[in-house]
C-alpha atoms as a PDB file:
ATOM      1  CA  MET A   1      -7.127  67.891  85.268  1.00  0.00           C
ATOM      2  CA  LYS A   2      -9.280  70.263  83.228  1.00  0.00           C
ATOM      3  CA  LEU A   3     -12.284  68.423  81.834  1.00  0.00           C
ATOM      4  CA  LEU A   4     -13.321  70.949  79.169  1.00  0.00           C
ATOM      5  CA  GLU A   5     -10.011  72.261  77.820  1.00  0.00           C
ATOM      6  CA  ASN A   6     -10.664  74.495  74.775  1.00  0.00           C
ATOM      7  CA  LYS A   7     -14.326  73.479  74.509  1.00  0.00           C
ATOM      8  CA  VAL A   8     -16.799  76.203  73.536  1.00  0.00           C
ATOM      9  CA  VAL A   9     -19.818  76.537  75.806  1.00  0.00           C
ATOM     10  CA  ILE A  10     -22.912  78.725  75.520  1.00  0.00           C
ATOM     11  CA  VAL A  11     -24.752  79.468  78.775  1.00  0.00           C
ATOM     12  CA  THR A  12     -28.015  81.413  78.578  1.00  0.00           C
ATOM     13  CA  GLY A  13     -29.133  83.632  81.441  1.00  0.00           C
ATOM     14  CA  ALA A  14     -25.738  83.691  83.137  1.00  0.00           C
ATOM     15  CA  ALA A  15     -25.496  87.183  84.607  1.00  0.00           C
ATOM     16  CA  ARG A  16     -26.389  85.879  88.060  1.00  0.00           C
ATOM     17  CA  GLY A  17     -27.427  82.906  90.155  1.00  0.00           C
ATOM     18  CA  ILE A  18     -27.184  79.369  88.791  1.00  0.00           C
ATOM     19  CA  GLY A  19     -26.106  80.529  85.325  1.00  0.00           C
ATOM     20  CA  GLU A  20     -23.198  82.529  86.710  1.00  0.00           C
ATOM     21  CA  GLY A  21     -22.116  79.596  88.860  1.00  0.00           C
ATOM     22  CA  ILE A  22     -22.199  77.277  85.855  1.00  0.00           C
ATOM     23  CA  ALA A  23     -20.176  79.653  83.679  1.00  0.00           C
ATOM     24  CA  LEU A  24     -17.483  79.984  86.338  1.00  0.00           C
ATOM     25  CA  LYS A  25     -17.301  76.248  87.036  1.00  0.00           C
ATOM     26  CA  LEU A  26     -16.962  75.311  83.361  1.00  0.00           C
ATOM     27  CA  ALA A  27     -14.370  78.026  82.797  1.00  0.00           C
ATOM     28  CA  GLU A  28     -12.334  76.666  85.712  1.00  0.00           C
ATOM     29  CA  HIS A  29     -12.157  73.458  83.690  1.00  0.00           C
ATOM     30  CA  GLY A  30     -10.841  75.187  80.594  1.00  0.00           C
ATOM     31  CA  ALA A  31     -14.030  75.976  78.661  1.00  0.00           C
ATOM     32  CA  ASN A  32     -14.327  79.127  76.585  1.00  0.00           C
ATOM     33  CA  ILE A  33     -17.624  80.743  77.557  1.00  0.00           C
ATOM     34  CA  ALA A  34     -20.191  82.687  75.544  1.00  0.00           C
ATOM     35  CA  PHE A  35     -23.042  83.725  77.807  1.00  0.00           C
ATOM     36  CA  THR A  36     -26.191  85.786  77.587  1.00  0.00           C
ATOM     37  CA  TYR A  37     -28.096  88.329  79.601  1.00  0.00           C
ATOM     38  CA  VAL A  38     -31.336  90.112  78.748  1.00  0.00           C
ATOM     39  CA  SER A  39     -31.839  93.472  80.431  1.00  0.00           C
ATOM     40  CA  GLU A  40     -29.762  96.623  80.323  1.00  0.00           C
ATOM     41  CA  GLY A  41     -29.798  96.530  84.114  1.00  0.00           C
ATOM     42  CA  SER A  42     -27.872  93.246  84.029  1.00  0.00           C
ATOM     43  CA  ALA A  43     -25.096  94.685  81.836  1.00  0.00           C
ATOM     44  CA  PRO A  44     -22.765  95.616  84.743  1.00  0.00           C
ATOM     45  CA  LYS A  45     -23.064  92.098  86.208  1.00  0.00           C
ATOM     46  CA  ALA A  46     -22.465  90.583  82.789  1.00  0.00           C
ATOM     47  CA  GLN A  47     -19.368  92.716  82.294  1.00  0.00           C
ATOM     48  CA  ALA A  48     -18.088  91.725  85.738  1.00  0.00           C
ATOM     49  CA  LEU A  49     -18.609  88.054  84.946  1.00  0.00           C
ATOM     50  CA  GLU A  50     -16.839  88.385  81.614  1.00  0.00           C
ATOM     51  CA  GLU A  51     -13.840  89.809  83.464  1.00  0.00           C
ATOM     52  CA  LYS A  52     -13.903  86.999  86.043  1.00  0.00           C
ATOM     53  CA  LEU A  53     -13.996  84.385  83.309  1.00  0.00           C
ATOM     54  CA  THR A  54     -11.174  85.996  81.342  1.00  0.00           C
ATOM     55  CA  ALA A  55      -9.089  86.094  84.520  1.00  0.00           C
ATOM     56  CA  LEU A  56      -9.358  82.297  84.601  1.00  0.00           C
ATOM     57  CA  GLY A  57      -7.399  82.182  81.356  1.00  0.00           C
ATOM     58  CA  VAL A  58     -10.224  81.365  78.964  1.00  0.00           C
ATOM     59  CA  LYS A  59     -11.933  83.285  76.194  1.00  0.00           C
ATOM     60  CA  ALA A  60     -15.247  84.782  77.306  1.00  0.00           C
ATOM     61  CA  LYS A  61     -17.841  87.095  75.834  1.00  0.00           C
ATOM     62  CA  ALA A  62     -21.167  88.437  77.100  1.00  0.00           C
ATOM     63  CA  TYR A  63     -24.023  88.797  74.632  1.00  0.00           C
ATOM     64  CA  ARG A  64     -27.208  90.737  75.227  1.00  0.00           C
ATOM     65  CA  SER A  65     -29.678  88.269  73.756  1.00  0.00           C
ATOM     66  CA  ASN A  66     -33.191  87.111  74.603  1.00  0.00           C
ATOM     67  CA  ALA A  67     -33.475  83.312  74.423  1.00  0.00           C
ATOM     68  CA  ALA A  68     -37.261  83.644  74.098  1.00  0.00           C
ATOM     69  CA  ILE A  69     -36.837  85.301  70.679  1.00  0.00           C
ATOM     70  CA  PHE A  70     -35.960  82.979  67.802  1.00  0.00           C
ATOM     71  CA  ALA A  71     -34.119  85.623  65.757  1.00  0.00           C
ATOM     72  CA  ASP A  72     -31.954  86.547  68.747  1.00  0.00           C
ATOM     73  CA  CYS A  73     -30.905  82.915  69.173  1.00  0.00           C
ATOM     74  CA  GLU A  74     -30.118  82.558  65.490  1.00  0.00           C
ATOM     75  CA  ALA A  75     -27.934  85.661  65.544  1.00  0.00           C
ATOM     76  CA  LEU A  76     -26.284  84.606  68.810  1.00  0.00           C
ATOM     77  CA  VAL A  77     -25.233  81.152  67.636  1.00  0.00           C
ATOM     78  CA  ASN A  78     -24.002  82.510  64.302  1.00  0.00           C
ATOM     79  CA  ASP A  79     -21.905  85.088  66.170  1.00  0.00           C
ATOM     80  CA  VAL A  80     -20.522  82.504  68.592  1.00  0.00           C
ATOM     81  CA  VAL A  81     -19.503  80.132  65.793  1.00  0.00           C
ATOM     82  CA  LYS A  82     -17.834  83.029  63.983  1.00  0.00           C
ATOM     83  CA  GLU A  83     -16.091  84.311  67.134  1.00  0.00           C
ATOM     84  CA  PHE A  84     -15.245  81.032  68.900  1.00  0.00           C
ATOM     85  CA  GLY A  85     -15.165  78.589  65.984  1.00  0.00           C
ATOM     86  CA  ALA A  86     -17.583  75.984  67.366  1.00  0.00           C
ATOM     87  CA  VAL A  87     -20.306  75.145  69.866  1.00  0.00           C
ATOM     88  CA  ASP A  88     -19.469  72.042  71.881  1.00  0.00           C
ATOM     89  CA  VAL A  89     -21.893  72.494  74.789  1.00  0.00           C
ATOM     90  CA  CYS A  90     -25.106  74.463  75.208  1.00  0.00           C
ATOM     91  CA  VAL A  91     -26.530  75.072  78.671  1.00  0.00           C
ATOM     92  CA  ASN A  92     -30.113  76.298  78.373  1.00  0.00           C
ATOM     93  CA  ASN A  93     -30.462  78.015  81.711  1.00  0.00           C
ATOM     94  CA  ALA A  94     -32.550  81.142  81.029  1.00  0.00           C
ATOM     95  CA  GLY A  95     -35.806  81.135  82.960  1.00  0.00           C
ATOM     96  CA  ILE A  96     -38.379  83.084  84.951  1.00  0.00           C
ATOM     97  CA  SER A  97     -41.264  82.336  87.278  1.00  0.00           C
ATOM     98  CA  LYS A  98     -44.627  84.096  87.401  1.00  0.00           C
ATOM     99  CA  ASP A  99     -46.115  82.310  90.384  1.00  0.00           C
ATOM    100  CA  ASN A 100     -49.815  82.586  91.083  1.00  0.00           C
ATOM    101  CA  LEU A 101     -52.796  80.409  91.834  1.00  0.00           C
ATOM    102  CA  LEU A 102     -54.531  79.402  88.623  1.00  0.00           C
ATOM    103  CA  LEU A 103     -57.588  81.502  89.496  1.00  0.00           C
ATOM    104  CA  ARG A 104     -55.375  84.607  89.480  1.00  0.00           C
ATOM    105  CA  LEU A 105     -52.852  83.601  86.827  1.00  0.00           C
ATOM    106  CA  THR A 106     -53.218  85.830  83.763  1.00  0.00           C
ATOM    107  CA  GLU A 107     -52.859  84.756  80.167  1.00  0.00           C
ATOM    108  CA  GLU A 108     -49.922  87.140  79.832  1.00  0.00           C
ATOM    109  CA  GLN A 109     -48.139  85.538  82.799  1.00  0.00           C
ATOM    110  CA  TRP A 110     -48.703  82.072  81.356  1.00  0.00           C
ATOM    111  CA  ASP A 111     -47.477  83.054  77.882  1.00  0.00           C
ATOM    112  CA  GLU A 112     -44.373  84.844  79.164  1.00  0.00           C
ATOM    113  CA  THR A 113     -43.393  81.864  81.326  1.00  0.00           C
ATOM    114  CA  MET A 114     -43.789  79.483  78.389  1.00  0.00           C
ATOM    115  CA  ASP A 115     -41.814  81.746  76.049  1.00  0.00           C
ATOM    116  CA  VAL A 116     -38.870  82.294  78.390  1.00  0.00           C
ATOM    117  CA  ASN A 117     -38.707  78.824  79.941  1.00  0.00           C
ATOM    118  CA  LEU A 118     -39.808  76.459  77.178  1.00  0.00           C
ATOM    119  CA  LYS A 119     -39.765  78.173  73.789  1.00  0.00           C
ATOM    120  CA  SER A 120     -36.235  79.364  74.573  1.00  0.00           C
ATOM    121  CA  ILE A 121     -35.109  75.732  74.771  1.00  0.00           C
ATOM    122  CA  TYR A 122     -36.492  75.094  71.282  1.00  0.00           C
ATOM    123  CA  ASN A 123     -34.986  78.341  69.979  1.00  0.00           C
ATOM    124  CA  MET A 124     -31.472  77.602  71.218  1.00  0.00           C
ATOM    125  CA  THR A 125     -31.415  73.872  70.549  1.00  0.00           C
ATOM    126  CA  LYS A 126     -32.649  74.408  66.990  1.00  0.00           C
ATOM    127  CA  GLN A 127     -29.616  76.624  66.364  1.00  0.00           C
ATOM    128  CA  VAL A 128     -26.816  74.776  68.178  1.00  0.00           C
ATOM    129  CA  ILE A 129     -27.527  71.370  66.661  1.00  0.00           C
ATOM    130  CA  ARG A 130     -26.309  72.573  63.276  1.00  0.00           C
ATOM    131  CA  PRO A 131     -22.659  73.115  64.285  1.00  0.00           C
ATOM    132  CA  MET A 132     -22.862  70.091  66.594  1.00  0.00           C
ATOM    133  CA  MET A 133     -24.068  67.830  63.774  1.00  0.00           C
ATOM    134  CA  LYS A 134     -21.250  69.100  61.590  1.00  0.00           C
ATOM    135  CA  ALA A 135     -18.764  68.225  64.346  1.00  0.00           C
ATOM    136  CA  LYS A 136     -20.569  64.934  65.098  1.00  0.00           C
ATOM    137  CA  SER A 137     -20.361  65.777  68.781  1.00  0.00           C
ATOM    138  CA  GLY A 138     -22.155  67.885  71.366  1.00  0.00           C
ATOM    139  CA  SER A 139     -23.832  68.100  74.742  1.00  0.00           C
ATOM    140  CA  ILE A 140     -27.075  69.993  75.346  1.00  0.00           C
ATOM    141  CA  ILE A 141     -28.033  70.575  78.971  1.00  0.00           C
ATOM    142  CA  ASN A 142     -31.496  71.901  79.778  1.00  0.00           C
ATOM    143  CA  MET A 143     -32.368  73.399  83.151  1.00  0.00           C
ATOM    144  CA  SER A 144     -35.670  71.963  84.310  1.00  0.00           C
ATOM    145  CA  SER A 145     -36.817  71.947  87.947  1.00  0.00           C
ATOM    146  CA  ILE A 146     -37.977  69.606  90.669  1.00  0.00           C
ATOM    147  CA  VAL A 147     -41.291  71.426  90.258  1.00  0.00           C
ATOM    148  CA  GLY A 148     -41.428  70.099  86.701  1.00  0.00           C
ATOM    149  CA  VAL A 149     -41.170  66.578  88.127  1.00  0.00           C
ATOM    150  CA  ARG A 150     -43.583  66.788  91.048  1.00  0.00           C
ATOM    151  CA  GLY A 151     -45.626  69.980  90.537  1.00  0.00           C
ATOM    152  CA  ASN A 152     -46.308  72.659  93.105  1.00  0.00           C
ATOM    153  CA  ALA A 153     -49.424  74.601  94.088  1.00  0.00           C
ATOM    154  CA  GLY A 154     -49.283  78.176  92.825  1.00  0.00           C
ATOM    155  CA  GLN A 155     -46.739  77.325  90.126  1.00  0.00           C
ATOM    156  CA  SER A 156     -48.823  75.765  87.367  1.00  0.00           C
ATOM    157  CA  SER A 157     -47.202  77.776  84.572  1.00  0.00           C
ATOM    158  CA  TYR A 158     -43.677  77.256  85.879  1.00  0.00           C
ATOM    159  CA  SER A 159     -44.307  73.538  86.491  1.00  0.00           C
ATOM    160  CA  ALA A 160     -45.807  73.039  83.036  1.00  0.00           C
ATOM    161  CA  SER A 161     -42.894  74.801  81.332  1.00  0.00           C
ATOM    162  CA  LYS A 162     -40.312  72.806  83.265  1.00  0.00           C
ATOM    163  CA  ALA A 163     -42.150  69.522  82.655  1.00  0.00           C
ATOM    164  CA  GLY A 164     -42.223  70.391  78.957  1.00  0.00           C
ATOM    165  CA  ILE A 165     -38.441  70.720  79.030  1.00  0.00           C
ATOM    166  CA  ILE A 166     -38.189  67.113  80.229  1.00  0.00           C
ATOM    167  CA  GLY A 167     -40.281  65.794  77.330  1.00  0.00           C
ATOM    168  CA  PHE A 168     -38.304  67.907  74.876  1.00  0.00           C
ATOM    169  CA  THR A 169     -34.996  66.675  76.310  1.00  0.00           C
ATOM    170  CA  LYS A 170     -35.902  63.006  75.939  1.00  0.00           C
ATOM    171  CA  SER A 171     -37.160  63.528  72.382  1.00  0.00           C
ATOM    172  CA  ILE A 172     -34.002  65.352  71.277  1.00  0.00           C
ATOM    173  CA  ALA A 173     -31.846  62.646  72.864  1.00  0.00           C
ATOM    174  CA  LEU A 174     -33.667  60.089  70.700  1.00  0.00           C
ATOM    175  CA  GLU A 175     -33.388  62.215  67.561  1.00  0.00           C
ATOM    176  CA  LEU A 176     -29.710  63.067  67.832  1.00  0.00           C
ATOM    177  CA  GLY A 177     -28.103  60.156  69.629  1.00  0.00           C
ATOM    178  CA  SER A 178     -26.953  58.639  66.326  1.00  0.00           C
ATOM    179  CA  ARG A 179     -25.081  61.904  65.633  1.00  0.00           C
ATOM    180  CA  ASN A 180     -23.199  61.611  68.941  1.00  0.00           C
ATOM    181  CA  ILE A 181     -25.110  64.565  70.384  1.00  0.00           C
ATOM    182  CA  ARG A 182     -26.321  64.073  73.935  1.00  0.00           C
ATOM    183  CA  CYS A 183     -29.226  65.915  75.563  1.00  0.00           C
ATOM    184  CA  ASN A 184     -29.923  65.816  79.296  1.00  0.00           C
ATOM    185  CA  ALA A 185     -31.831  67.838  81.867  1.00  0.00           C
ATOM    186  CA  ILE A 186     -31.066  68.960  85.393  1.00  0.00           C
ATOM    187  CA  ALA A 187     -33.919  69.381  87.870  1.00  0.00           C
ATOM    188  CA  PRO A 188     -32.708  71.608  90.730  1.00  0.00           C
ATOM    189  CA  GLY A 189     -34.573  71.688  93.994  1.00  0.00           C
ATOM    190  CA  PHE A 190     -34.497  74.675  96.356  1.00  0.00           C
ATOM    191  CA  VAL A 191     -31.224  76.441  95.600  1.00  0.00           C
ATOM    192  CA  GLU A 192     -29.936  79.516  97.399  1.00  0.00           C
ATOM    193  CA  THR A 193     -29.750  82.441  94.964  1.00  0.00           C
ATOM    194  CA  ASP A 194     -30.694  86.108  95.075  1.00  0.00           C
ATOM    195  CA  MET A 195     -34.012  85.121  93.480  1.00  0.00           C
ATOM    196  CA  THR A 196     -34.909  82.504  96.114  1.00  0.00           C
ATOM    197  CA  HIS A 197     -33.806  84.094  99.364  1.00  0.00           C
ATOM    198  CA  TYR A 198     -37.452  84.270 100.386  1.00  0.00           C
ATOM    199  CA  LEU A 199     -37.547  80.477 100.610  1.00  0.00           C
ATOM    200  CA  LYS A 200     -34.833  80.429 103.241  1.00  0.00           C
ATOM    201  CA  ASP A 201     -35.890  83.547 105.126  1.00  0.00           C
ATOM    202  CA  GLY A 202     -39.671  83.356 104.776  1.00  0.00           C
ATOM    203  CA  ALA A 203     -42.267  81.971 107.138  1.00  0.00           C
ATOM    204  CA  GLY A 204     -42.453  78.667 105.252  1.00  0.00           C
ATOM    205  CA  ALA A 205     -38.710  77.988 105.378  1.00  0.00           C
ATOM    206  CA  ASP A 206     -38.985  75.351 108.113  1.00  0.00           C
ATOM    207  CA  GLN A 207     -41.585  73.448 106.109  1.00  0.00           C
ATOM    208  CA  TYR A 208     -39.415  73.488 102.989  1.00  0.00           C
ATOM    209  CA  LEU A 209     -36.473  72.116 104.974  1.00  0.00           C
ATOM    210  CA  LYS A 210     -38.675  69.473 106.577  1.00  0.00           C
ATOM    211  CA  ASP A 211     -39.485  68.098 103.116  1.00  0.00           C
ATOM    212  CA  ILE A 212     -35.803  67.835 102.098  1.00  0.00           C
ATOM    213  CA  PRO A 213     -34.083  64.648 103.376  1.00  0.00           C
ATOM    214  CA  LEU A 214     -30.668  66.358 103.427  1.00  0.00           C
ATOM    215  CA  ASN A 215     -32.274  69.119 105.525  1.00  0.00           C
ATOM    216  CA  ARG A 216     -30.674  72.045 103.725  1.00  0.00           C
ATOM    217  CA  PHE A 217     -30.963  74.150 100.611  1.00  0.00           C
ATOM    218  CA  GLY A 218     -28.675  73.536  97.659  1.00  0.00           C
ATOM    219  CA  SER A 219     -25.959  75.810  96.316  1.00  0.00           C
ATOM    220  CA  THR A 220     -25.304  77.087  92.814  1.00  0.00           C
ATOM    221  CA  GLU A 221     -21.977  75.255  92.883  1.00  0.00           C
ATOM    222  CA  GLU A 222     -23.756  71.939  93.420  1.00  0.00           C
ATOM    223  CA  ILE A 223     -25.839  72.563  90.295  1.00  0.00           C
ATOM    224  CA  ALA A 224     -22.692  73.615  88.447  1.00  0.00           C
ATOM    225  CA  ASP A 225     -20.915  70.373  89.438  1.00  0.00           C
ATOM    226  CA  VAL A 226     -23.642  68.277  87.805  1.00  0.00           C
ATOM    227  CA  THR A 227     -23.544  70.532  84.748  1.00  0.00           C
ATOM    228  CA  LEU A 228     -19.803  69.929  84.491  1.00  0.00           C
ATOM    229  CA  PHE A 229     -20.424  66.174  84.615  1.00  0.00           C
ATOM    230  CA  LEU A 230     -22.980  66.367  81.799  1.00  0.00           C
ATOM    231  CA  ALA A 231     -20.813  68.706  79.722  1.00  0.00           C
ATOM    232  CA  SER A 232     -17.712  66.534  79.920  1.00  0.00           C
ATOM    233  CA  LYS A 233     -16.662  63.084  78.745  1.00  0.00           C
ATOM    234  CA  MET A 234     -17.435  61.767  82.218  1.00  0.00           C
ATOM    235  CA  SER A 235     -21.026  61.436  81.010  1.00  0.00           C
ATOM    236  CA  SER A 236     -20.259  60.202  77.489  1.00  0.00           C
ATOM    237  CA  TYR A 237     -22.792  57.358  77.835  1.00  0.00           C
ATOM    238  CA  VAL A 238     -25.526  59.468  79.438  1.00  0.00           C
ATOM    239  CA  THR A 239     -28.332  60.942  77.354  1.00  0.00           C
ATOM    240  CA  GLY A 240     -32.061  61.562  77.690  1.00  0.00           C
ATOM    241  CA  GLN A 241     -31.797  61.656  81.475  1.00  0.00           C
ATOM    242  CA  VAL A 242     -33.183  63.986  84.144  1.00  0.00           C
ATOM    243  CA  ILE A 243     -30.826  64.391  87.085  1.00  0.00           C
ATOM    244  CA  SER A 244     -32.564  65.789  90.144  1.00  0.00           C
ATOM    245  CA  VAL A 245     -30.250  67.887  92.304  1.00  0.00           C
ATOM    246  CA  CYS A 246     -32.692  68.453  95.115  1.00  0.00           C
ATOM    247  CA  GLY A 247     -31.387  66.929  98.336  1.00  0.00           C
ATOM    248  CA  GLY A 248     -33.857  64.069  97.981  1.00  0.00           C
ATOM    249  CA  LEU A 249     -36.952  66.245  97.680  1.00  0.00           C
ATOM    250  CA  ASN A 250     -38.197  64.065  94.814  1.00  0.00           C
ATOM    251  CA  ILE A 251     -38.287  60.872  96.912  1.00  0.00           C
END
C-alpha cells in the first residue's frame, strides 16, 4: 500500500544524504516530490535524483533554491503550487554545521548556522502554511538533531539552531492545529552519510558507539522511515512532538 499516493511534498536540501533518502522513500509511497539544492556543484546530483524519482513513477522536479533566503522560499513555494497544484507535506531538511569551540567560533560562523538551520525553517513554513490552510490539511516536518536536545561541546551554534527548531515546531503545532495542520520534528542521532563519515572512521568512533545503546550508527533510511510516518495518515493524531531517531543516545 502506498501511503502518500498523489501527495505533493517539498524536501529542502535533498541532493544528498538524509534529504535524498527522504525524497526517495516518500516517492516510493507515491508522493510527487519537489526538492531543493543550493550550489552549482550539487546540480549533477540533483539531476540524478530527479531521474531516480521520476523512474519511480511520480512527478519530480529539482529547484536550485536557498532555504536561508526568504525571497527564494517565496518563489519556490509559488512555483511548486503552480507546477504541482498543492503542498501537502513540507520537510525542512536543509542544514549545515560550523563546529568550533566557542572561544574560536566566529560571528560569521554563528550567523550562517542560524540562517541555514533555523531561519530557513521560518522562511519555508511561512510560505507553505498558506496553501495548507486553504486545503485545511498539511504536515510540516522539521529536521532537528539529538544535539539540539542534549547539547554537545564544540557545537554551540549547531545545538542552539537545532534546539530553536524544537521550540518553533511546538509553537507552530499550537498555532495551526485547529486548521488540521500538523508540525513535528525529528532529532537524528549519529547517521552515516558522506558528511559524517569521520564519526565512524575517526579516532573517537569507539566512544561514540559506546554512548549509543543500540551500538551502531543510524542509516538515512531509518530517518526516512520516521519521516514517512509523520508525513502520512499513520500519524494523523501526532503533532508538536520531537521524535529522536538516535539508537537511544538521548537516554
